[in-house]
Protein backbone atom coordinates (compact mmCIF):
# COMPACT_ATOMS: atom_id res chain seq x y z
CA UNK A 1 -6.43 -27.25 21.58
CA UNK A 2 -10.34 -25.96 21.78
CA UNK A 3 -13.38 -27.71 22.58
CA UNK A 4 -15.41 -26.99 19.47
CA UNK A 5 -14.87 -26.43 15.92
CA UNK A 6 -16.44 -22.88 16.60
CA UNK A 7 -14.22 -21.64 19.36
CA UNK A 8 -11.26 -22.38 17.17
CA UNK A 9 -12.68 -20.21 14.28
CA UNK A 10 -13.56 -17.89 16.93
CA UNK A 11 -9.69 -17.66 17.78
CA UNK A 12 -8.70 -17.56 14.24
CA UNK A 13 -10.86 -14.42 13.86
CA UNK A 14 -9.55 -12.77 16.50
CA UNK A 15 -5.85 -12.98 16.27
CA UNK A 16 -5.94 -12.64 12.53
CA UNK A 17 -8.02 -9.61 12.69
CA UNK A 18 -5.19 -8.17 15.77
CA UNK A 19 -2.42 -8.80 13.61
CA UNK A 20 -3.20 -7.36 10.18
CA UNK A 21 -6.15 -5.62 11.28
CA UNK A 22 -4.15 -2.18 11.16
CA UNK A 23 -3.33 -2.51 7.56
CA UNK A 24 -6.64 -3.30 6.53
CA UNK A 25 -7.62 -0.51 8.27
CA UNK A 26 -5.15 1.84 5.98
CA UNK A 27 -7.18 -0.10 3.04
CA UNK A 28 -10.53 0.22 3.98
CA UNK A 29 -9.95 4.38 4.92
CA UNK A 30 -7.78 4.93 2.14
CA UNK A 31 -10.02 3.09 -0.14
CA UNK A 32 -13.16 5.22 0.49
CA UNK A 33 -10.92 8.21 -0.05
CA UNK A 34 -9.93 6.76 -2.99
CA UNK A 35 -13.39 6.79 -4.77
CA UNK A 36 -13.14 10.77 -4.62
CA UNK A 37 -9.03 10.92 -5.34
CA UNK A 38 -9.61 13.30 -8.26
CA UNK A 39 -11.83 15.55 -6.51
CA UNK A 40 -9.17 15.69 -3.68
CA UNK A 41 -6.60 16.40 -6.32
CA UNK A 42 -8.53 19.24 -7.41
CA UNK A 43 -9.06 20.56 -3.59
CA UNK A 44 -4.90 20.38 -3.32
CA UNK A 45 -4.39 21.72 -6.74
CA UNK A 46 -6.38 25.00 -7.16
CA UNK A 47 -4.80 25.76 -10.48
CA UNK A 48 -6.73 22.46 -11.58
CA UNK A 49 -10.08 23.95 -10.68
CA UNK A 50 -12.44 24.13 -13.89
CA UNK A 51 -14.36 21.67 -15.46
CA UNK A 52 -13.74 18.03 -16.72
CA UNK A 53 -12.40 18.60 -20.15
CA UNK A 54 -12.76 15.70 -23.07
CA UNK A 55 -10.05 14.08 -24.78
CA UNK A 56 -8.51 17.63 -26.98
CA UNK A 57 -7.68 18.20 -30.60
CA UNK A 58 -4.40 15.69 -31.28
CA UNK A 59 -3.19 17.66 -34.07
CA UNK A 60 -3.81 21.15 -32.19
CA UNK A 61 -3.33 20.49 -28.46
CA UNK A 62 -1.50 16.63 -28.31
CA UNK A 63 0.87 17.01 -30.75
CA UNK A 64 2.68 20.06 -29.62
CA UNK A 65 2.38 18.82 -26.16
CA UNK A 66 3.89 15.27 -27.38
CA UNK A 67 6.94 16.99 -28.80
CA UNK A 68 7.68 18.68 -25.84
CA UNK A 69 8.02 15.55 -23.97
CA UNK A 70 11.18 14.42 -22.68
CA UNK A 71 12.63 11.68 -21.16
CA UNK A 72 12.63 11.49 -17.37
CA UNK A 73 16.60 12.10 -16.26
CA UNK A 74 16.13 10.12 -13.00
CA UNK A 75 14.99 7.12 -14.83
CA UNK A 76 17.60 7.76 -18.06
CA UNK A 77 20.11 8.01 -14.99
CA UNK A 78 19.04 4.42 -13.59
CA UNK A 79 18.03 2.38 -16.42
CA UNK A 80 20.20 3.62 -19.79
CA UNK A 81 23.57 1.29 -18.50
CA UNK A 82 21.27 -1.56 -18.29
CA UNK A 83 19.16 -0.82 -21.58
CA UNK A 84 22.49 0.14 -23.87
CA UNK A 85 24.74 -2.33 -25.59
CA UNK A 86 28.10 -0.17 -25.46
CA UNK A 87 29.88 -2.96 -27.89
CA UNK A 88 27.41 -1.33 -30.67
CA UNK A 89 28.26 2.43 -30.16
CA UNK A 90 28.01 5.31 -27.57
CA UNK A 91 25.30 5.86 -25.37
CA UNK A 92 22.39 8.19 -26.89
CA UNK A 93 22.02 11.64 -24.87
CA UNK A 94 18.72 11.65 -22.86
CA UNK A 95 17.71 14.88 -24.80
CA UNK A 96 18.19 13.14 -28.22
CA UNK A 97 16.26 9.68 -27.33
CA UNK A 98 13.52 8.82 -30.19
CA UNK A 99 10.07 8.70 -29.12
CA UNK A 100 8.46 5.32 -29.68
CA UNK A 101 5.06 5.93 -28.48
CA UNK A 102 2.75 8.29 -27.05
CA UNK A 103 -0.49 8.05 -25.13
CA UNK A 104 -2.91 10.53 -23.16
CA UNK A 105 -5.37 9.90 -20.48
CA UNK A 106 -8.51 11.28 -19.18
CA UNK A 107 -11.84 10.41 -17.50
CA UNK A 108 -15.19 12.24 -16.70
CA UNK A 109 -13.71 13.54 -13.50
CA UNK A 110 -10.48 14.85 -14.94
CA UNK A 111 -10.06 18.88 -15.49
CA UNK A 112 -6.51 18.11 -16.33
CA UNK A 113 -4.93 15.57 -18.97
CA UNK A 114 -2.31 13.07 -18.63
CA UNK A 115 0.34 12.47 -21.57
CA UNK A 116 3.49 10.19 -21.34
CA UNK A 117 5.71 9.18 -24.31
CA UNK A 118 8.20 5.80 -24.42
CA UNK A 119 11.43 6.78 -25.80
CA UNK A 120 13.27 4.25 -27.43
CA UNK A 121 17.17 3.07 -26.58
CA UNK A 122 18.75 3.17 -30.14
CA UNK A 123 21.84 0.71 -29.53
CA UNK A 124 20.01 -1.78 -27.11
CA UNK A 125 21.50 -4.54 -25.49
CA UNK A 126 18.41 -6.98 -26.06
CA UNK A 127 15.87 -6.17 -29.43
CA UNK A 128 13.04 -8.44 -27.78
CA UNK A 129 12.52 -6.54 -24.71
CA UNK A 130 10.89 -3.05 -24.04
CA UNK A 131 13.71 -0.96 -24.17
CA UNK A 132 12.13 2.34 -23.46
CA UNK A 133 12.67 5.23 -21.25
CA UNK A 134 9.73 7.06 -20.20
CA UNK A 135 8.49 10.62 -19.68
CA UNK A 136 5.08 11.84 -18.31
CA UNK A 137 3.55 15.03 -17.72
CA UNK A 138 0.00 16.36 -17.09
CA UNK A 139 -1.57 19.42 -19.29
CA UNK A 140 -4.34 21.64 -19.50
CA UNK A 141 -6.05 20.09 -22.11
CA UNK A 142 -8.17 23.54 -23.18
CA UNK A 143 -4.41 25.09 -23.94
CA UNK A 144 -2.16 22.33 -24.15
CA UNK A 145 0.31 24.05 -21.55
CA UNK A 146 2.20 21.76 -19.13
CA UNK A 147 0.62 21.71 -15.49
CA UNK A 148 4.12 21.73 -13.14
CA UNK A 149 4.70 18.28 -12.26
CA UNK A 150 6.24 18.53 -9.36
CA UNK A 151 2.97 19.06 -7.60
CA UNK A 152 2.08 15.88 -5.61
CA UNK A 153 -1.84 15.02 -6.68
CA UNK A 154 -2.92 14.04 -2.83
CA UNK A 155 -5.93 11.92 -4.13
CA UNK A 156 -4.56 10.23 -7.06
CA UNK A 157 -0.86 9.81 -6.23
CA UNK A 158 -0.75 9.21 -2.37
CA UNK A 159 -4.19 8.35 -0.96
CA UNK A 160 -5.24 6.25 -3.56
CA UNK A 161 -1.97 4.19 -3.99
CA UNK A 162 -2.11 3.96 -0.46
CA UNK A 163 -5.15 1.46 -0.11
CA UNK A 164 -3.29 -1.06 -2.12
CA UNK A 165 0.31 -0.62 -1.48
CA UNK A 166 0.86 1.41 1.59
CA UNK A 167 2.86 3.61 -0.80
CA UNK A 168 5.95 1.10 0.40
CA UNK A 169 7.13 0.47 -3.31
CA UNK A 170 10.98 -1.35 -2.09
CA UNK A 171 10.21 -4.52 -3.92
CA UNK A 172 6.55 -3.98 -4.23
CA UNK A 173 6.46 -5.17 -0.12
CA UNK A 174 3.48 -2.94 0.07
CA UNK A 175 1.37 -4.84 -2.40
CA UNK A 176 2.42 -7.83 -1.11
CA UNK A 177 1.46 -6.96 2.88
CA UNK A 178 -2.00 -5.83 1.78
CA UNK A 179 -2.15 -8.93 -0.34
CA UNK A 180 -1.65 -10.94 2.77
CA UNK A 181 -3.97 -8.97 4.77
CA UNK A 182 -6.51 -9.09 1.79
CA UNK A 183 -6.22 -13.10 2.10
CA UNK A 184 -6.21 -12.64 5.92
CA UNK A 185 -9.56 -10.86 5.72
CA UNK A 186 -10.99 -13.39 3.48
CA UNK A 187 -10.19 -16.01 6.54
CA UNK A 188 -11.89 -13.61 8.69
CA UNK A 189 -14.89 -12.99 7.08
CA UNK A 190 -15.60 -16.85 6.96
CA UNK A 191 -15.05 -17.30 10.58
CA UNK A 192 -17.20 -14.07 11.23
CA UNK A 193 -19.80 -15.86 10.07
CA UNK A 194 -19.18 -19.43 11.38
CA UNK A 195 -18.63 -17.82 14.73
CA UNK A 196 -22.32 -16.26 14.40
CA UNK A 197 -24.81 -18.71 14.79
CA UNK A 198 -27.34 -15.56 15.42
CA UNK A 199 -26.50 -14.22 12.04
CA UNK A 200 -29.65 -12.63 11.10
CA UNK A 201 -30.44 -11.64 13.97
CA UNK A 202 -27.07 -9.57 14.87
CA UNK A 203 -28.16 -7.72 11.14
CA UNK A 204 -30.88 -5.95 13.26
CA UNK A 205 -29.32 -5.84 16.54
CA UNK A 206 -27.63 -2.50 18.21
CA UNK A 207 -27.62 -1.68 21.71
CA UNK A 208 -26.28 1.82 22.72
CA UNK A 209 -27.69 1.93 26.03
CA UNK A 210 -26.12 -0.84 27.16
CA UNK A 211 -22.56 -1.52 28.77
CA UNK A 212 -19.57 -0.37 26.16
CA UNK A 213 -18.49 -3.73 26.00
CA UNK A 214 -21.83 -5.17 24.72
CA UNK A 215 -22.80 -1.76 22.56
CA UNK A 216 -19.20 -2.29 20.73
CA UNK A 217 -19.94 -6.17 19.74
CA UNK A 218 -23.21 -5.02 18.81
CA UNK A 219 -21.49 -2.28 16.49
CA UNK A 220 -19.00 -4.71 15.41
CA UNK A 221 -20.84 -7.27 14.31
CA UNK A 222 -23.63 -5.20 12.67
CA UNK A 223 -21.16 -3.27 10.68
CA UNK A 224 -19.38 -6.81 9.71
CA UNK A 225 -23.01 -8.07 8.48
CA UNK A 226 -24.14 -5.37 6.99
CA UNK A 227 -21.14 -4.56 4.52
CA UNK A 228 -20.21 -8.42 4.46
CA UNK A 229 -20.92 -8.87 0.70
CA UNK A 230 -18.88 -5.55 -0.01
CA UNK A 231 -16.15 -6.48 1.96
CA UNK A 232 -15.76 -10.09 0.45
CA UNK A 233 -16.12 -8.97 -3.15
CA UNK A 234 -13.61 -5.86 -2.62
CA UNK A 235 -10.68 -8.78 -1.23
CA UNK A 236 -11.35 -10.87 -3.80
CA UNK A 237 -11.34 -8.63 -6.33
CA UNK A 238 -8.02 -6.51 -5.28
CA UNK A 239 -6.89 -9.90 -5.21
CA UNK A 240 -7.87 -10.88 -8.29
CA UNK A 241 -6.78 -7.78 -10.28
CA UNK A 242 -3.23 -8.12 -8.74
CA UNK A 243 -2.75 -11.76 -9.40
CA UNK A 244 -1.75 -11.67 -12.61
CA UNK A 245 0.78 -8.68 -12.24
CA UNK A 246 2.40 -9.20 -8.95
CA UNK A 247 1.52 -12.40 -7.50
CA UNK A 248 1.86 -14.85 -9.88
CA UNK A 249 3.62 -13.07 -12.58
CA UNK A 250 4.12 -16.10 -15.04
CA UNK A 251 4.51 -14.09 -18.25
CA UNK A 252 7.35 -12.16 -16.86
CA UNK A 253 9.27 -15.30 -15.63
CA UNK A 254 8.35 -18.75 -16.04
CA UNK A 255 6.22 -18.57 -19.42
CA UNK A 256 8.27 -15.51 -20.96
CA UNK A 257 8.92 -17.07 -24.00
CA UNK A 258 5.45 -18.32 -24.62
CA UNK A 259 3.99 -15.00 -23.30
CA UNK A 260 6.38 -13.21 -25.87
CA UNK A 261 5.59 -15.61 -28.76
CA UNK A 262 2.00 -15.06 -28.21
CA UNK A 263 2.46 -10.96 -28.80
CA UNK A 264 3.90 -11.94 -32.38
CA UNK A 265 1.11 -14.52 -33.27
CA UNK A 266 -1.38 -11.90 -32.14
CA UNK A 267 -0.05 -9.07 -34.00
CA UNK A 268 -0.19 -11.54 -37.28
CA UNK A 269 -3.84 -12.31 -36.30
CA UNK A 270 -5.12 -8.47 -35.68
CA UNK A 271 -2.80 -6.65 -38.45
CA UNK A 272 -1.36 -4.63 -36.10
CA UNK A 273 2.99 -4.69 -36.00
CA UNK A 274 4.48 -5.62 -33.30
CA UNK A 275 7.93 -4.32 -34.21
CA UNK A 276 9.43 -1.73 -36.22
CA UNK A 277 9.89 -1.48 -40.30
CA UNK A 278 12.67 0.72 -39.81
CA UNK A 279 11.17 2.68 -42.75
CA UNK A 280 9.71 6.70 -41.75
CA UNK A 281 6.73 7.71 -42.07
CA UNK A 282 4.32 10.91 -41.40
CA UNK A 283 1.44 10.54 -39.34
CA UNK A 284 -1.90 11.29 -40.60
CA UNK A 285 -4.47 13.21 -39.04
CA UNK A 286 -5.38 11.61 -35.81
CA UNK A 287 -8.38 13.95 -35.16
CA UNK A 288 -9.76 12.27 -38.20
CA UNK A 289 -8.98 8.97 -36.66
CA UNK A 290 -10.97 10.01 -33.28
CA UNK A 291 -13.96 11.37 -35.24
CA UNK A 292 -14.17 7.83 -37.26
CA UNK A 293 -13.95 5.79 -33.90
CA UNK A 294 -16.81 7.92 -32.45
CA UNK A 295 -18.68 7.21 -35.61
CA UNK A 296 -18.33 3.70 -35.27
CA UNK A 297 -19.20 3.45 -31.45
CA UNK A 298 -22.07 5.48 -32.32
CA UNK A 299 -23.21 3.04 -35.04
CA UNK A 300 -22.55 0.08 -32.56
CA UNK A 301 -25.37 1.87 -30.59
CA UNK A 302 -22.68 3.02 -27.88
CA UNK A 303 -21.72 6.42 -28.73
CA UNK A 304 -19.11 7.90 -26.31
CA UNK A 305 -15.70 9.86 -26.07
CA UNK A 306 -12.21 9.03 -26.29
CA UNK A 307 -10.90 7.84 -23.07
CA UNK A 308 -7.37 6.68 -23.96
CA UNK A 309 -5.23 7.31 -27.21
CA UNK A 310 -1.69 5.42 -27.75
CA UNK A 311 0.18 5.90 -30.78
CA UNK A 312 2.95 2.94 -31.43
CA UNK A 313 5.99 2.95 -33.55
CA UNK A 314 5.69 6.53 -34.00
CA UNK A 315 7.40 7.83 -36.77
CA UNK A 316 7.84 4.26 -38.85
CA UNK A 317 5.50 2.90 -41.39
CA UNK A 318 4.56 -0.06 -39.11
CA UNK A 319 2.98 2.73 -36.95
CA UNK A 320 -0.92 2.61 -35.65
CA UNK A 321 -2.48 4.35 -33.54
CA UNK A 322 -4.85 2.81 -30.96
CA UNK A 323 -8.39 4.78 -30.15
CA UNK A 324 -10.56 3.62 -26.80
CA UNK A 325 -13.66 4.76 -26.06
CA UNK A 326 -14.17 6.23 -22.34
CA UNK A 327 -16.80 3.58 -20.47
CA UNK A 328 -17.87 6.01 -18.08
CA UNK A 329 -21.44 4.67 -18.76
CA UNK A 330 -20.98 1.28 -17.81
CA UNK A 331 -19.51 -0.54 -15.18
CA UNK A 332 -17.57 -2.71 -16.79
CA UNK A 333 -13.83 -1.58 -17.39
CA UNK A 334 -13.91 -2.22 -21.78
CA UNK A 335 -12.46 0.27 -24.01
CA UNK A 336 -14.01 -0.29 -27.51
CA UNK A 337 -10.68 -0.42 -29.23
CA UNK A 338 -9.98 0.93 -32.78
CA UNK A 339 -6.88 0.73 -34.57
CA UNK A 340 -5.93 2.89 -37.22
CA UNK A 341 -2.89 2.93 -39.42
CA UNK A 342 -0.92 5.90 -38.35
CA UNK A 343 0.46 6.63 -41.87
CA UNK A 344 -2.71 6.99 -43.80
CA UNK A 345 -5.97 6.72 -41.08
CA UNK A 346 -6.72 3.22 -42.86
CA UNK A 347 -8.98 1.11 -39.94
CA UNK A 348 -6.78 -1.96 -39.49
CA UNK A 349 -8.69 -3.56 -36.76
CA UNK A 350 -11.84 -3.26 -33.99
CA UNK A 351 -11.70 -5.50 -30.95
CA UNK A 352 -14.05 -8.46 -31.35
CA UNK A 353 -16.42 -9.16 -28.86
CA UNK A 354 -15.36 -10.38 -25.73
CA UNK A 355 -15.60 -14.26 -24.40
CA UNK A 356 -17.72 -14.89 -21.24
CA UNK A 357 -14.34 -15.04 -19.00
CA UNK A 358 -13.28 -11.83 -19.95
CA UNK A 359 -16.83 -9.79 -20.09
CA UNK A 360 -16.90 -11.43 -16.01
CA UNK A 361 -13.10 -10.32 -15.35
CA UNK A 362 -13.43 -7.01 -16.94
CA UNK A 363 -17.02 -6.67 -14.62
CA UNK A 364 -15.33 -7.38 -11.83
CA UNK A 365 -12.27 -5.32 -12.29
CA UNK A 366 -14.77 -2.14 -13.61
CA UNK A 367 -16.44 -2.51 -9.97
CA UNK A 368 -13.71 -2.63 -8.11
CA UNK A 369 -11.86 0.48 -9.78
CA UNK A 370 -15.12 2.49 -10.05
CA UNK A 371 -14.60 4.66 -13.25
CA UNK A 372 -18.38 4.82 -13.66
CA UNK A 373 -20.18 8.12 -13.49
CA UNK A 374 -22.78 6.70 -10.86
CA UNK A 375 -22.47 8.83 -8.23
CA UNK A 376 -24.72 7.19 -5.75
CA UNK A 377 -22.98 3.79 -6.57
CA UNK A 378 -19.83 6.14 -5.38
CA UNK A 379 -21.01 6.97 -2.05
CA UNK A 380 -22.44 3.39 -1.43
CA UNK A 381 -18.52 2.60 -1.77
CA UNK A 382 -17.32 5.41 0.71
CA UNK A 383 -20.06 3.72 3.04
CA UNK A 384 -19.16 0.35 2.54
CA UNK A 385 -14.83 1.40 3.27
CA UNK A 386 -15.99 3.30 6.38
CA UNK A 387 -18.04 0.45 7.69
CA UNK A 388 -15.11 -1.60 7.24
CA UNK A 389 -12.97 1.18 9.12
CA UNK A 390 -15.84 0.86 12.32
CA UNK A 391 -16.18 -3.26 12.21
CA UNK A 392 -11.98 -3.01 12.69
CA UNK A 393 -12.06 -0.39 15.09
CA UNK A 394 -14.56 -1.86 16.97
CA UNK A 395 -12.58 -4.92 17.15
CA UNK A 396 -9.41 -3.10 18.50
CA UNK A 397 -11.85 -1.73 21.39
CA UNK A 398 -13.86 -4.86 22.32
CA UNK A 399 -10.50 -7.15 22.31
CA UNK A 400 -8.44 -4.49 24.85
CA UNK A 401 -11.60 -3.71 26.74
CA UNK A 402 -11.81 -7.18 27.33
CA UNK A 403 -8.64 -7.84 28.72
CA UNK A 404 -7.45 -4.49 30.64
CA UNK A 405 -8.51 -5.62 33.68
CA UNK A 406 -6.88 -9.11 33.65
CA UNK A 407 -3.56 -7.13 32.21
CA UNK A 408 -4.16 -4.60 34.97
CA UNK A 409 -4.07 -6.97 37.94
CA UNK A 410 -0.85 -8.72 36.06
CA UNK A 411 1.00 -5.90 35.18
CA UNK A 412 1.14 -7.05 31.88
CA UNK A 413 2.05 -4.40 29.37
CA UNK A 414 0.18 -5.92 25.84
CA UNK A 415 -3.04 -3.83 26.65
CA UNK A 416 -1.42 -0.44 26.49
CA UNK A 417 0.33 -1.62 23.13
CA UNK A 418 -2.63 -2.62 21.83
CA UNK A 419 -4.43 0.22 22.96
CA UNK A 420 -1.95 2.67 21.88
CA UNK A 421 -1.64 1.18 18.28
CA UNK A 422 -5.65 0.99 18.25
CA UNK A 423 -5.29 5.21 18.68
CA UNK A 424 -2.43 5.20 15.75
CA UNK A 425 -4.42 3.23 13.14
CA UNK A 426 -8.11 4.70 14.02
CA UNK A 427 -7.62 8.61 14.83
CA UNK A 428 -3.90 9.13 14.22
CA UNK A 429 -4.69 7.65 10.37
CA UNK A 430 -6.93 9.94 10.02
CA UNK A 431 -4.53 13.18 11.79
CA UNK A 432 -2.30 12.30 9.13
CA UNK A 433 -4.56 12.68 6.03
CA UNK A 434 -5.94 15.67 7.62
CA UNK A 435 -2.94 16.97 8.22
CA UNK A 436 -1.54 16.45 4.81
CA UNK A 437 -4.09 18.59 3.74
CA UNK A 438 -3.22 21.67 5.88
CA UNK A 439 0.41 21.28 4.91
CA UNK A 440 -0.68 21.70 1.30
CA UNK A 441 -2.20 24.44 1.74
CA UNK A 442 0.51 26.19 4.23
CA UNK A 443 3.14 25.17 1.84
CA UNK A 444 4.52 27.94 -0.69
CA UNK A 445 2.65 26.76 -3.77
CA UNK A 446 5.96 27.59 -5.67
CA UNK A 447 8.08 25.41 -2.83
CA UNK A 448 10.67 23.37 -4.74
CA UNK A 449 10.33 19.66 -3.95
CA UNK A 450 6.79 20.45 -2.36
CA UNK A 451 5.25 17.11 -2.52
CA UNK A 452 7.80 15.92 -0.30
CA UNK A 453 7.15 17.82 2.25
CA UNK A 454 3.46 17.06 2.25
CA UNK A 455 4.78 13.84 2.15
CA UNK A 456 6.98 14.48 5.60
CA UNK A 457 4.16 16.08 7.08
CA UNK A 458 1.86 12.97 6.83
CA UNK A 459 4.61 10.52 8.00
CA UNK A 460 5.16 12.93 10.79
CA UNK A 461 1.91 13.01 11.91
CA UNK A 462 1.25 9.85 11.52
CA UNK A 463 4.67 8.74 14.02
CA UNK A 464 3.74 11.69 16.14
CA UNK A 465 0.19 10.22 17.01
CA UNK A 466 1.96 6.34 17.84
CA UNK A 467 4.27 8.27 20.24
CA UNK A 468 1.24 10.28 22.00
CA UNK A 469 -0.47 7.47 22.22
CA UNK A 470 2.30 4.97 23.70
CA UNK A 471 3.34 8.24 26.13
CA UNK A 472 -0.32 8.50 27.24
CA UNK A 473 -1.39 4.98 27.58
CA UNK A 474 -0.02 4.70 31.49
CA UNK A 475 -4.29 4.54 32.44
CA UNK A 476 -4.60 1.50 30.36
CA UNK A 477 -2.74 -0.59 32.76
CA UNK A 478 -5.03 0.60 35.32
CA UNK A 479 -7.87 -0.73 33.22
CA UNK A 480 -9.14 2.78 32.39
CA UNK A 481 -9.25 4.98 29.32
CA UNK A 482 -6.54 6.06 26.97
CA UNK A 483 -6.59 9.91 27.00
CA UNK A 484 -5.04 9.82 23.48
CA UNK A 485 -8.41 9.08 22.24
CA UNK A 486 -10.22 12.22 23.52
CA UNK A 487 -6.98 14.05 23.00
CA UNK A 488 -6.41 13.23 19.20
CA UNK A 489 -10.18 13.79 18.17
CA UNK A 490 -9.47 17.28 19.59
CA UNK A 491 -6.53 17.53 17.50
CA UNK A 492 -8.21 15.63 13.95
CA UNK A 493 -10.79 18.54 14.68
CA UNK A 494 -8.61 21.49 14.68
CA UNK A 495 -7.07 20.33 11.46
CA UNK A 496 -10.21 19.63 9.61
CA UNK A 497 -11.50 23.11 10.34
CA UNK A 498 -8.04 24.62 9.82
CA UNK A 499 -7.95 22.95 5.96
CA UNK A 500 -11.34 24.43 5.06
CA UNK A 501 -10.24 27.89 6.56
CA UNK A 502 -6.91 28.26 4.57
CA UNK A 503 -8.32 26.64 1.70
CA UNK A 504 -10.42 29.66 1.87
CA UNK A 505 -7.88 32.16 2.85
CA UNK A 506 -4.94 30.96 0.13
CA UNK A 507 -7.70 30.43 -2.28
CA UNK A 508 -10.50 32.30 -1.63
CA UNK A 509 -12.55 29.51 -2.42
CA UNK A 510 -15.12 29.47 0.63
CA UNK A 511 -18.10 27.54 1.40
CA UNK A 512 -20.65 30.21 0.19
CA UNK A 513 -18.62 30.21 -3.47
CA UNK A 514 -18.52 27.02 -3.95
CA UNK A 515 -21.94 25.88 -2.73
CA UNK A 516 -24.00 29.14 -3.89
CA UNK A 517 -22.26 32.65 -5.72
CA UNK A 518 -20.46 29.78 -8.02
CA UNK A 519 -20.71 26.18 -7.07
CA UNK A 520 -17.93 24.13 -7.94
CA UNK A 521 -18.88 20.80 -5.67
CA UNK A 522 -15.61 19.14 -6.12
CA UNK A 523 -13.86 21.75 -4.06
CA UNK A 524 -17.19 21.83 -1.75
CA UNK A 525 -17.23 18.61 -0.90
CA UNK A 526 -14.32 18.32 0.09
CA UNK A 527 -14.62 21.43 2.56
CA UNK A 528 -18.18 19.68 3.62
CA UNK A 529 -16.50 16.35 4.64
CA UNK A 530 -13.92 18.06 6.58
CA UNK A 531 -16.01 19.77 8.57
CA UNK A 532 -18.48 16.71 8.97
CA UNK A 533 -15.13 14.72 10.05
CA UNK A 534 -14.78 17.71 12.83
CA UNK A 535 -18.30 17.64 14.01
CA UNK A 536 -18.03 13.93 14.21
CA UNK A 537 -14.95 14.35 16.37
CA UNK A 538 -16.18 16.74 18.55
CA UNK A 539 -19.10 14.50 19.44
CA UNK A 540 -16.22 11.83 20.34
CA UNK A 541 -14.12 14.01 22.23
CA UNK A 542 -16.75 15.15 24.48
CA UNK A 543 -18.17 12.06 25.17
CA UNK A 544 -14.77 10.46 25.99
CA UNK A 545 -14.56 13.32 28.23
CA UNK A 546 -17.85 12.55 30.18
CA UNK A 547 -16.71 8.56 30.48
CA UNK A 548 -13.51 9.52 31.70
CA UNK A 549 -14.63 11.83 34.35
CA UNK A 550 -17.27 9.47 35.76
CA UNK A 551 -14.59 7.23 35.96
CA UNK A 552 -16.37 4.91 33.73
CA UNK A 553 -14.14 1.27 33.08
CA UNK A 554 -15.21 -1.08 30.22
CA UNK A 555 -15.82 -4.22 31.77
CA UNK A 556 -16.24 -7.47 29.80
CA UNK A 557 -19.91 -8.96 28.86
CA UNK A 558 -21.10 -11.96 30.58
CA UNK A 559 -19.53 -14.79 29.49
CA UNK A 560 -22.43 -16.06 27.67
CA UNK A 561 -22.57 -13.37 25.68
CA UNK A 562 -18.97 -13.19 24.79
CA UNK A 563 -18.52 -16.76 23.60
CA UNK A 564 -17.76 -15.67 19.89
CA UNK A 565 -15.04 -13.78 20.75
CA UNK A 566 -12.14 -15.59 22.53
């Protein structure tokens, strides 16, 4: 089929990248935004603009908040019939479900605290299953007051899941699509390395003054080579993280009986009860347990704060409290758990030293999820993600540029479609993200279902960007530039500036205040990035306009220079 193995690798690289490059573009871009998802949350929710807080007192703050938690009405309506055994008696009303477990979670970047509960179904069909109806909330850890739960945390609840699930949750198809794209990306990286015999020279080669096709290929190669370890690592570890949960969930299917038996044996060996005893018991001071956990961590020469707290079998004699250390001072995602008997505060179990395999897994997982405090490394993550975007975008442009004249002579509309999809995946995607922030500031704070309107704005703007790119793609059929690139750059710049101005108008947190008079860098950082985005968009729009005016048509480079890209 091909004259050489290298040409076959070039074919795979080109078509793998073209078919799933649009998915990978979203993964890289929203993955880069996810590095600062909590900061974007604070920008989007002005009532959370205060300093991050440690885990608060359980006895004074968390216990009253837990007591006010209720089972989620939608989850109750959807699942209670499947869980409840009607032959044993009537269903328990939602507000009367007894709490079985509580949890609270925070990080060094969270001003607010996430809490949740699992409410037990008293007459279940299967006693062995995890028969819980859940309830979640967010509280102000300074007071214990609930923060409105119907507002969307745009960073952590929208941009962050977008990079691994595309927010396509039906049958987990988004997660499987991203997993397929990650596999394809690994193949594209390997084929890309095989294609480029002059690998190290291309690490240092960029000729922006050369023909546009040549400079595009240089930038594609440079961005791919510079960030090659980053791209390979994140594709691999992303697959690793989801492998046991979604891609190969043997513990929930083929090996479920063995998995359940393992839980029973593990409970017996650790002394942590697997089932409720059915005997009521009171709860000892959890604050005292937290203090003891901190003392033991300090004795191990790893002093730290509590990051995650969980109460199991609440109100039962077999109840116990698990306390995990916030591991933000290290890369590996470890918790150094301490487990106490709930009724007495007696230490039942300390997590033992980890095996080499477990340590490797925790290090790779922690490096991917970046819960650590190292700010320089976080910015390197952002740079790596944006380099991935540049690599994919230049690949799209190079593909279209090579085929414009050929398709124009043949009357083939293929290049128009690819170019329009490329516009949508590059400028359209950023317009959707920035436009969502604009919608966040324009919509009233007390609007019911505000988060749903923000999501609608996101998808609506992205669809409009696609339609605009298609409508304006006629010049591509004549081997010229699609004006949608320039026009969407101007739209992006306008939206970015509007977001900064609306933030200042609606909250009073303008840049002079957040940078100089009352520094608050999470909000200032988002505003500054928006202004930088506007500046880059204006520069790109002006450059595209000059190229359109002088009628520059992208031509393919010499055959010897493009043999690597079929």
